[in-house]
Amino acid sequence: MVVATAAAFLARFYTRVSLGRAGWDTLASVAFFLASKTEEHHRPLKYIVAATLSLNAGRTPVENPRGSSRYQYDDGDPNFLELRKAMLYWEEVMLRTLCFDLTVDHPNWTMMRCLESSWKGERRVDGDRLKKVAWHFLGDR
């Protein structure tokens, strides 16, 4: 849901601001950062900055001993500090442009409630399969 929320934020933002004024690459990261906070899957800014810089440089994530992967980037690097500063600036601009309206009503939850109420009893297995297909269809996967 974080990616869908970030996409909604970007769409709302670019209805009010020209693409020439604000580049999409930094704003995509800013939208993801805001969406992660909004959807309560918060990721620290330094992780998002490191991932953005690593992806722009064509790097892959590094596996750590716990099995998860992280993008590694030096916190003192001038590129890191510059992008971090830019993201904090554009976060404020995006919040003001969106009038601090960070609520996004996704169709996924309405569809899930509707399917749960209509498929009961022995047909529940079919309903569960249909929910998975519908969820992926709405997520455009």
N, C-alpha and C. Protein backbone atom coordinates (compact mmCIF):
# COMPACT_ATOMS: atom_id res chain seq x y z
N MET A 1 0.81 -1.19 0.00
CA MET A 1 0.00 0.00 0.00
C MET A 1 0.86 1.27 0.00
N VAL A 2 2.10 1.15 0.46
CA VAL A 2 2.97 2.33 0.50
C VAL A 2 3.24 2.85 -0.91
N VAL A 3 3.49 1.95 -1.83
CA VAL A 3 3.78 2.37 -3.21
C VAL A 3 2.55 3.01 -3.85
N ALA A 4 1.38 2.42 -3.61
CA ALA A 4 0.14 3.00 -4.16
C ALA A 4 -0.13 4.38 -3.55
N THR A 5 0.14 4.54 -2.27
CA THR A 5 -0.05 5.84 -1.62
C THR A 5 0.94 6.86 -2.17
N ALA A 6 2.18 6.44 -2.37
CA ALA A 6 3.19 7.35 -2.94
C ALA A 6 2.78 7.77 -4.35
N ALA A 7 2.26 6.84 -5.13
CA ALA A 7 1.80 7.18 -6.48
C ALA A 7 0.65 8.18 -6.43
N ALA A 8 -0.25 8.02 -5.47
CA ALA A 8 -1.36 8.98 -5.32
C ALA A 8 -0.84 10.35 -4.93
N PHE A 9 0.15 10.40 -4.05
CA PHE A 9 0.73 11.68 -3.66
C PHE A 9 1.38 12.38 -4.85
N LEU A 10 2.13 11.60 -5.65
CA LEU A 10 2.77 12.19 -6.83
C LEU A 10 1.73 12.71 -7.82
N ALA A 11 0.68 11.94 -8.04
CA ALA A 11 -0.37 12.38 -8.97
C ALA A 11 -1.02 13.67 -8.48
N ARG A 12 -1.32 13.74 -7.20
CA ARG A 12 -1.91 14.96 -6.64
C ARG A 12 -0.95 16.14 -6.74
N PHE A 13 0.31 15.88 -6.46
CA PHE A 13 1.31 16.96 -6.48
C PHE A 13 1.46 17.52 -7.89
N TYR A 14 1.57 16.63 -8.88
CA TYR A 14 1.79 17.10 -10.25
C TYR A 14 0.54 17.66 -10.91
N THR A 15 -0.62 17.57 -10.27
CA THR A 15 -1.77 18.29 -10.78
C THR A 15 -1.69 19.77 -10.43
N ARG A 16 -0.83 20.08 -9.46
CA ARG A 16 -0.71 21.47 -9.01
C ARG A 16 0.63 22.12 -9.36
N VAL A 17 1.66 21.31 -9.62
CA VAL A 17 3.01 21.81 -9.85
C VAL A 17 3.53 21.26 -11.18
N SER A 18 4.22 22.09 -11.93
CA SER A 18 4.76 21.68 -13.22
C SER A 18 5.90 20.68 -13.04
N LEU A 19 5.99 19.74 -13.95
CA LEU A 19 7.07 18.77 -13.92
C LEU A 19 8.42 19.44 -14.12
N GLY A 20 8.44 20.57 -14.84
CA GLY A 20 9.69 21.30 -15.05
C GLY A 20 10.21 21.94 -13.79
N ARG A 21 9.32 22.27 -12.87
CA ARG A 21 9.75 22.93 -11.62
C ARG A 21 10.31 21.92 -10.63
N ALA A 22 9.75 20.75 -10.63
CA ALA A 22 10.16 19.74 -9.66
C ALA A 22 10.44 18.44 -10.38
N GLY A 23 11.69 17.98 -10.32
CA GLY A 23 12.08 16.74 -10.99
C GLY A 23 11.44 15.52 -10.34
N TRP A 24 11.14 14.53 -11.14
CA TRP A 24 10.42 13.37 -10.66
C TRP A 24 11.26 12.44 -9.80
N ASP A 25 12.59 12.40 -10.03
CA ASP A 25 13.41 11.41 -9.33
C ASP A 25 13.48 11.67 -7.83
N THR A 26 13.75 12.90 -7.43
CA THR A 26 13.79 13.22 -6.00
C THR A 26 12.39 13.16 -5.41
N LEU A 27 11.40 13.65 -6.16
CA LEU A 27 10.04 13.67 -5.63
C LEU A 27 9.45 12.27 -5.48
N ALA A 28 9.86 11.33 -6.28
CA ALA A 28 9.40 9.96 -6.10
C ALA A 28 9.88 9.42 -4.76
N SER A 29 11.12 9.71 -4.42
CA SER A 29 11.66 9.29 -3.12
C SER A 29 10.95 10.01 -1.97
N VAL A 30 10.68 11.29 -2.16
CA VAL A 30 9.97 12.07 -1.13
C VAL A 30 8.56 11.51 -0.94
N ALA A 31 7.88 11.20 -2.03
CA ALA A 31 6.53 10.65 -1.94
C ALA A 31 6.55 9.30 -1.23
N PHE A 32 7.56 8.48 -1.52
CA PHE A 32 7.69 7.20 -0.83
C PHE A 32 7.93 7.40 0.66
N PHE A 33 8.76 8.37 1.01
CA PHE A 33 9.05 8.68 2.41
C PHE A 33 7.77 9.12 3.13
N LEU A 34 7.01 10.02 2.52
CA LEU A 34 5.75 10.47 3.12
C LEU A 34 4.74 9.32 3.22
N ALA A 35 4.66 8.52 2.18
CA ALA A 35 3.72 7.40 2.18
C ALA A 35 4.08 6.37 3.25
N SER A 36 5.37 6.14 3.45
CA SER A 36 5.76 5.18 4.49
C SER A 36 5.35 5.69 5.87
N LYS A 37 5.42 6.99 6.07
CA LYS A 37 4.96 7.55 7.34
C LYS A 37 3.44 7.48 7.44
N THR A 38 2.76 7.79 6.36
CA THR A 38 1.30 7.81 6.36
C THR A 38 0.72 6.42 6.59
N GLU A 39 1.29 5.42 5.94
CA GLU A 39 0.79 4.05 6.04
C GLU A 39 1.37 3.31 7.24
N GLU A 40 2.08 4.01 8.10
CA GLU A 40 2.67 3.47 9.33
C GLU A 40 3.64 2.32 9.08
N HIS A 41 4.40 2.46 8.00
CA HIS A 41 5.51 1.56 7.71
C HIS A 41 6.76 2.42 7.57
N HIS A 42 7.03 3.19 8.60
CA HIS A 42 8.05 4.22 8.54
C HIS A 42 9.43 3.64 8.25
N ARG A 43 10.11 4.28 7.32
CA ARG A 43 11.50 3.99 7.02
C ARG A 43 12.30 5.26 7.29
N PRO A 44 13.41 5.16 8.00
CA PRO A 44 14.21 6.36 8.26
C PRO A 44 14.67 7.00 6.96
N LEU A 45 14.79 8.32 6.99
CA LEU A 45 15.19 9.07 5.80
C LEU A 45 16.53 8.60 5.27
N LYS A 46 17.47 8.26 6.16
CA LYS A 46 18.79 7.86 5.69
C LYS A 46 18.73 6.58 4.84
N TYR A 47 17.79 5.67 5.14
CA TYR A 47 17.65 4.47 4.33
C TYR A 47 17.11 4.79 2.94
N ILE A 48 16.16 5.71 2.89
CA ILE A 48 15.58 6.08 1.60
C ILE A 48 16.58 6.85 0.76
N VAL A 49 17.35 7.73 1.39
CA VAL A 49 18.39 8.47 0.67
C VAL A 49 19.45 7.49 0.15
N ALA A 50 19.88 6.56 0.98
CA ALA A 50 20.89 5.58 0.55
C ALA A 50 20.35 4.71 -0.60
N ALA A 51 19.10 4.30 -0.51
CA ALA A 51 18.52 3.49 -1.59
C ALA A 51 18.43 4.29 -2.88
N THR A 52 18.02 5.55 -2.78
CA THR A 52 17.91 6.39 -3.98
C THR A 52 19.26 6.58 -4.64
N LEU A 53 20.28 6.91 -3.85
CA LEU A 53 21.62 7.09 -4.41
C LEU A 53 22.17 5.79 -4.99
N SER A 54 21.95 4.70 -4.30
CA SER A 54 22.45 3.41 -4.78
C SER A 54 21.77 3.00 -6.08
N LEU A 55 20.46 3.17 -6.15
CA LEU A 55 19.74 2.81 -7.38
C LEU A 55 20.15 3.70 -8.54
N ASN A 56 20.37 4.99 -8.27
CA ASN A 56 20.82 5.90 -9.32
C ASN A 56 22.21 5.53 -9.82
N ALA A 57 23.04 4.98 -8.94
CA ALA A 57 24.39 4.58 -9.31
C ALA A 57 24.45 3.16 -9.87
N GLY A 58 23.31 2.46 -9.86
CA GLY A 58 23.27 1.09 -10.39
C GLY A 58 23.77 0.05 -9.42
N ARG A 59 23.82 0.36 -8.12
CA ARG A 59 24.27 -0.60 -7.13
C ARG A 59 23.13 -1.52 -6.70
N THR A 60 23.50 -2.66 -6.15
CA THR A 60 22.50 -3.59 -5.62
C THR A 60 22.58 -3.60 -4.10
N PRO A 61 21.51 -4.03 -3.42
CA PRO A 61 21.56 -4.06 -1.96
C PRO A 61 22.54 -5.09 -1.43
N VAL A 62 23.05 -4.85 -0.23
CA VAL A 62 24.01 -5.73 0.42
C VAL A 62 23.26 -6.57 1.45
N GLU A 63 23.50 -7.88 1.42
CA GLU A 63 22.87 -8.78 2.39
C GLU A 63 23.56 -8.62 3.74
N ASN A 64 22.76 -8.58 4.81
CA ASN A 64 23.36 -8.56 6.14
C ASN A 64 23.12 -9.91 6.81
N PRO A 65 23.74 -10.17 7.95
CA PRO A 65 23.65 -11.51 8.57
C PRO A 65 22.23 -11.94 8.92
N ARG A 66 21.32 -11.01 9.14
CA ARG A 66 19.95 -11.38 9.51
C ARG A 66 19.11 -11.79 8.31
N GLY A 67 19.67 -11.72 7.12
CA GLY A 67 18.95 -12.17 5.94
C GLY A 67 18.26 -11.06 5.16
N SER A 68 18.16 -9.87 5.74
CA SER A 68 17.55 -8.77 5.00
C SER A 68 18.64 -8.02 4.24
N SER A 69 18.23 -7.20 3.31
CA SER A 69 19.22 -6.48 2.53
C SER A 69 19.03 -4.98 2.73
N ARG A 70 20.12 -4.27 2.65
CA ARG A 70 20.11 -2.82 2.82
C ARG A 70 21.05 -2.20 1.79
N TYR A 71 20.69 -1.01 1.41
CA TYR A 71 21.60 -0.25 0.55
C TYR A 71 22.60 0.46 1.44
N GLN A 72 23.86 0.34 1.11
CA GLN A 72 24.93 0.93 1.91
C GLN A 72 25.38 2.23 1.27
N TYR A 73 25.46 3.27 2.06
CA TYR A 73 25.98 4.54 1.58
C TYR A 73 26.55 5.30 2.75
N ASP A 74 27.64 6.01 2.54
CA ASP A 74 28.31 6.76 3.60
C ASP A 74 27.49 8.00 3.96
N ASP A 75 27.16 8.14 5.25
CA ASP A 75 26.37 9.29 5.72
C ASP A 75 27.09 10.63 5.55
N GLY A 76 28.40 10.61 5.47
CA GLY A 76 29.17 11.85 5.35
C GLY A 76 29.46 12.25 3.92
N ASP A 77 29.06 11.43 2.96
CA ASP A 77 29.29 11.72 1.55
C ASP A 77 28.53 12.99 1.15
N PRO A 78 29.17 13.90 0.41
CA PRO A 78 28.50 15.14 0.00
C PRO A 78 27.22 14.89 -0.82
N ASN A 79 27.21 13.84 -1.66
CA ASN A 79 26.00 13.52 -2.42
C ASN A 79 24.87 13.10 -1.49
N PHE A 80 25.22 12.33 -0.46
CA PHE A 80 24.22 11.89 0.52
C PHE A 80 23.62 13.10 1.24
N LEU A 81 24.47 13.98 1.71
CA LEU A 81 24.00 15.16 2.44
C LEU A 81 23.18 16.09 1.56
N GLU A 82 23.60 16.23 0.30
CA GLU A 82 22.87 17.10 -0.63
C GLU A 82 21.48 16.54 -0.93
N LEU A 83 21.39 15.23 -1.20
CA LEU A 83 20.09 14.63 -1.48
C LEU A 83 19.20 14.65 -0.24
N ARG A 84 19.77 14.42 0.92
CA ARG A 84 19.00 14.46 2.16
C ARG A 84 18.40 15.85 2.36
N LYS A 85 19.20 16.87 2.14
CA LYS A 85 18.73 18.25 2.29
C LYS A 85 17.63 18.55 1.26
N ALA A 86 17.83 18.11 0.03
CA ALA A 86 16.83 18.32 -1.02
C ALA A 86 15.53 17.60 -0.70
N MET A 87 15.64 16.39 -0.18
CA MET A 87 14.42 15.64 0.15
C MET A 87 13.65 16.29 1.29
N LEU A 88 14.34 16.81 2.27
CA LEU A 88 13.65 17.51 3.37
C LEU A 88 12.97 18.77 2.86
N TYR A 89 13.63 19.48 1.95
CA TYR A 89 13.02 20.67 1.35
C TYR A 89 11.76 20.31 0.57
N TRP A 90 11.88 19.30 -0.32
CA TRP A 90 10.76 18.91 -1.16
C TRP A 90 9.65 18.23 -0.36
N GLU A 91 9.99 17.64 0.77
CA GLU A 91 8.94 17.08 1.63
C GLU A 91 8.02 18.20 2.13
N GLU A 92 8.63 19.28 2.57
CA GLU A 92 7.83 20.42 3.03
C GLU A 92 7.02 21.02 1.89
N VAL A 93 7.64 21.15 0.72
CA VAL A 93 6.92 21.69 -0.44
C VAL A 93 5.75 20.78 -0.81
N MET A 94 5.98 19.46 -0.80
CA MET A 94 4.92 18.53 -1.14
C MET A 94 3.79 18.60 -0.12
N LEU A 95 4.13 18.66 1.15
CA LEU A 95 3.10 18.76 2.19
C LEU A 95 2.25 20.02 2.01
N ARG A 96 2.90 21.13 1.75
CA ARG A 96 2.15 22.38 1.56
C ARG A 96 1.31 22.33 0.29
N THR A 97 1.86 21.76 -0.77
CA THR A 97 1.13 21.67 -2.03
C THR A 97 -0.09 20.77 -1.89
N LEU A 98 0.06 19.70 -1.12
CA LEU A 98 -1.06 18.78 -0.88
C LEU A 98 -1.99 19.29 0.22
N CYS A 99 -1.71 20.48 0.73
CA CYS A 99 -2.51 21.08 1.80
C CYS A 99 -2.57 20.16 3.02
N PHE A 100 -1.49 19.43 3.25
CA PHE A 100 -1.37 18.50 4.38
C PHE A 100 -2.49 17.44 4.39
N ASP A 101 -3.10 17.21 3.25
CA ASP A 101 -4.13 16.17 3.11
C ASP A 101 -3.45 14.88 2.68
N LEU A 102 -3.16 14.02 3.64
CA LEU A 102 -2.42 12.80 3.36
C LEU A 102 -3.30 11.55 3.41
N THR A 103 -4.60 11.74 3.35
CA THR A 103 -5.50 10.59 3.35
C THR A 103 -5.72 10.12 1.92
N VAL A 104 -5.57 8.83 1.73
CA VAL A 104 -5.80 8.23 0.41
C VAL A 104 -6.74 7.05 0.63
N ASP A 105 -7.88 7.10 -0.03
CA ASP A 105 -8.83 6.00 0.04
C ASP A 105 -8.57 5.04 -1.11
N HIS A 106 -7.94 3.94 -0.78
CA HIS A 106 -7.63 2.94 -1.80
C HIS A 106 -8.85 2.06 -2.04
N PRO A 107 -9.10 1.66 -3.27
CA PRO A 107 -10.25 0.80 -3.55
C PRO A 107 -10.08 -0.62 -3.01
N ASN A 108 -8.85 -0.98 -2.67
CA ASN A 108 -8.58 -2.36 -2.23
C ASN A 108 -9.39 -2.76 -1.01
N TRP A 109 -9.46 -1.90 -0.02
CA TRP A 109 -10.14 -2.25 1.22
C TRP A 109 -11.64 -2.36 1.02
N THR A 110 -12.23 -1.49 0.23
CA THR A 110 -13.66 -1.56 -0.06
C THR A 110 -13.98 -2.86 -0.80
N MET A 111 -13.14 -3.21 -1.74
CA MET A 111 -13.33 -4.44 -2.50
C MET A 111 -13.20 -5.66 -1.59
N MET A 112 -12.25 -5.66 -0.67
CA MET A 112 -12.08 -6.79 0.25
C MET A 112 -13.31 -6.98 1.13
N ARG A 113 -13.83 -5.89 1.68
CA ARG A 113 -15.03 -5.98 2.52
C ARG A 113 -16.22 -6.51 1.73
N CYS A 114 -16.34 -6.04 0.51
CA CYS A 114 -17.45 -6.48 -0.34
C CYS A 114 -17.34 -7.97 -0.65
N LEU A 115 -16.16 -8.44 -0.98
CA LEU A 115 -15.97 -9.86 -1.29
C LEU A 115 -16.15 -10.73 -0.05
N GLU A 116 -15.68 -10.27 1.10
CA GLU A 116 -15.83 -11.05 2.33
C GLU A 116 -17.30 -11.22 2.70
N SER A 117 -18.10 -10.20 2.45
CA SER A 117 -19.51 -10.30 2.81
C SER A 117 -20.30 -11.14 1.81
N SER A 118 -19.82 -11.31 0.60
CA SER A 118 -20.59 -12.04 -0.40
C SER A 118 -20.19 -13.50 -0.56
N TRP A 119 -19.00 -13.89 -0.11
CA TRP A 119 -18.55 -15.28 -0.26
C TRP A 119 -18.45 -15.91 1.13
N LYS A 120 -19.42 -16.70 1.50
CA LYS A 120 -19.41 -17.33 2.82
C LYS A 120 -19.67 -18.83 2.67
N GLY A 121 -19.45 -19.55 3.75
CA GLY A 121 -19.72 -20.98 3.76
C GLY A 121 -18.75 -21.77 2.93
N GLU A 122 -19.28 -22.76 2.19
CA GLU A 122 -18.40 -23.66 1.42
C GLU A 122 -17.80 -22.98 0.20
N ARG A 123 -18.34 -21.85 -0.23
CA ARG A 123 -17.78 -21.12 -1.38
C ARG A 123 -16.67 -20.16 -0.95
N ARG A 124 -16.30 -20.18 0.32
CA ARG A 124 -15.29 -19.26 0.84
C ARG A 124 -13.93 -19.45 0.15
N VAL A 125 -13.60 -20.67 -0.19
CA VAL A 125 -12.32 -20.94 -0.87
C VAL A 125 -12.29 -20.20 -2.20
N ASP A 126 -13.39 -20.24 -2.94
CA ASP A 126 -13.47 -19.50 -4.21
C ASP A 126 -13.33 -17.99 -3.95
N GLY A 127 -13.95 -17.53 -2.88
CA GLY A 127 -13.88 -16.11 -2.53
C GLY A 127 -12.47 -15.69 -2.18
N ASP A 128 -11.73 -16.55 -1.47
CA ASP A 128 -10.35 -16.23 -1.13
C ASP A 128 -9.48 -16.13 -2.39
N ARG A 129 -9.70 -17.04 -3.33
CA ARG A 129 -8.96 -16.97 -4.59
C ARG A 129 -9.30 -15.70 -5.36
N LEU A 130 -10.59 -15.38 -5.39
CA LEU A 130 -11.03 -14.18 -6.09
C LEU A 130 -10.46 -12.92 -5.43
N LYS A 131 -10.36 -12.91 -4.10
CA LYS A 131 -9.78 -11.76 -3.40
C LYS A 131 -8.32 -11.56 -3.81
N LYS A 132 -7.56 -12.65 -3.90
CA LYS A 132 -6.16 -12.54 -4.30
C LYS A 132 -6.03 -11.97 -5.72
N VAL A 133 -6.85 -12.49 -6.62
CA VAL A 133 -6.80 -12.02 -8.01
C VAL A 133 -7.20 -10.55 -8.08
N ALA A 134 -8.27 -10.20 -7.39
CA ALA A 134 -8.74 -8.81 -7.41
C ALA A 134 -7.72 -7.87 -6.78
N TRP A 135 -7.08 -8.30 -5.70
CA TRP A 135 -6.06 -7.47 -5.05
C TRP A 135 -4.91 -7.18 -6.01
N HIS A 136 -4.45 -8.20 -6.71
CA HIS A 136 -3.36 -8.00 -7.67
C HIS A 136 -3.81 -7.17 -8.86
N PHE A 137 -5.05 -7.34 -9.28
CA PHE A 137 -5.58 -6.54 -10.38
C PHE A 137 -5.62 -5.07 -10.00
N LEU A 138 -6.10 -4.77 -8.79
CA LEU A 138 -6.15 -3.38 -8.34
C LEU A 138 -4.76 -2.81 -8.11
N GLY A 139 -3.81 -3.68 -7.72
CA GLY A 139 -2.44 -3.24 -7.52
C GLY A 139 -1.66 -3.14 -8.82
N ASP A 140 -2.30 -3.51 -9.93
CA ASP A 140 -1.70 -3.42 -11.26
C ASP A 140 -0.41 -4.23 -11.35
N ARG A 141 -0.47 -5.45 -10.86
CA ARG A 141 0.72 -6.31 -10.88
C ARG A 141 0.63 -7.31 -11.99
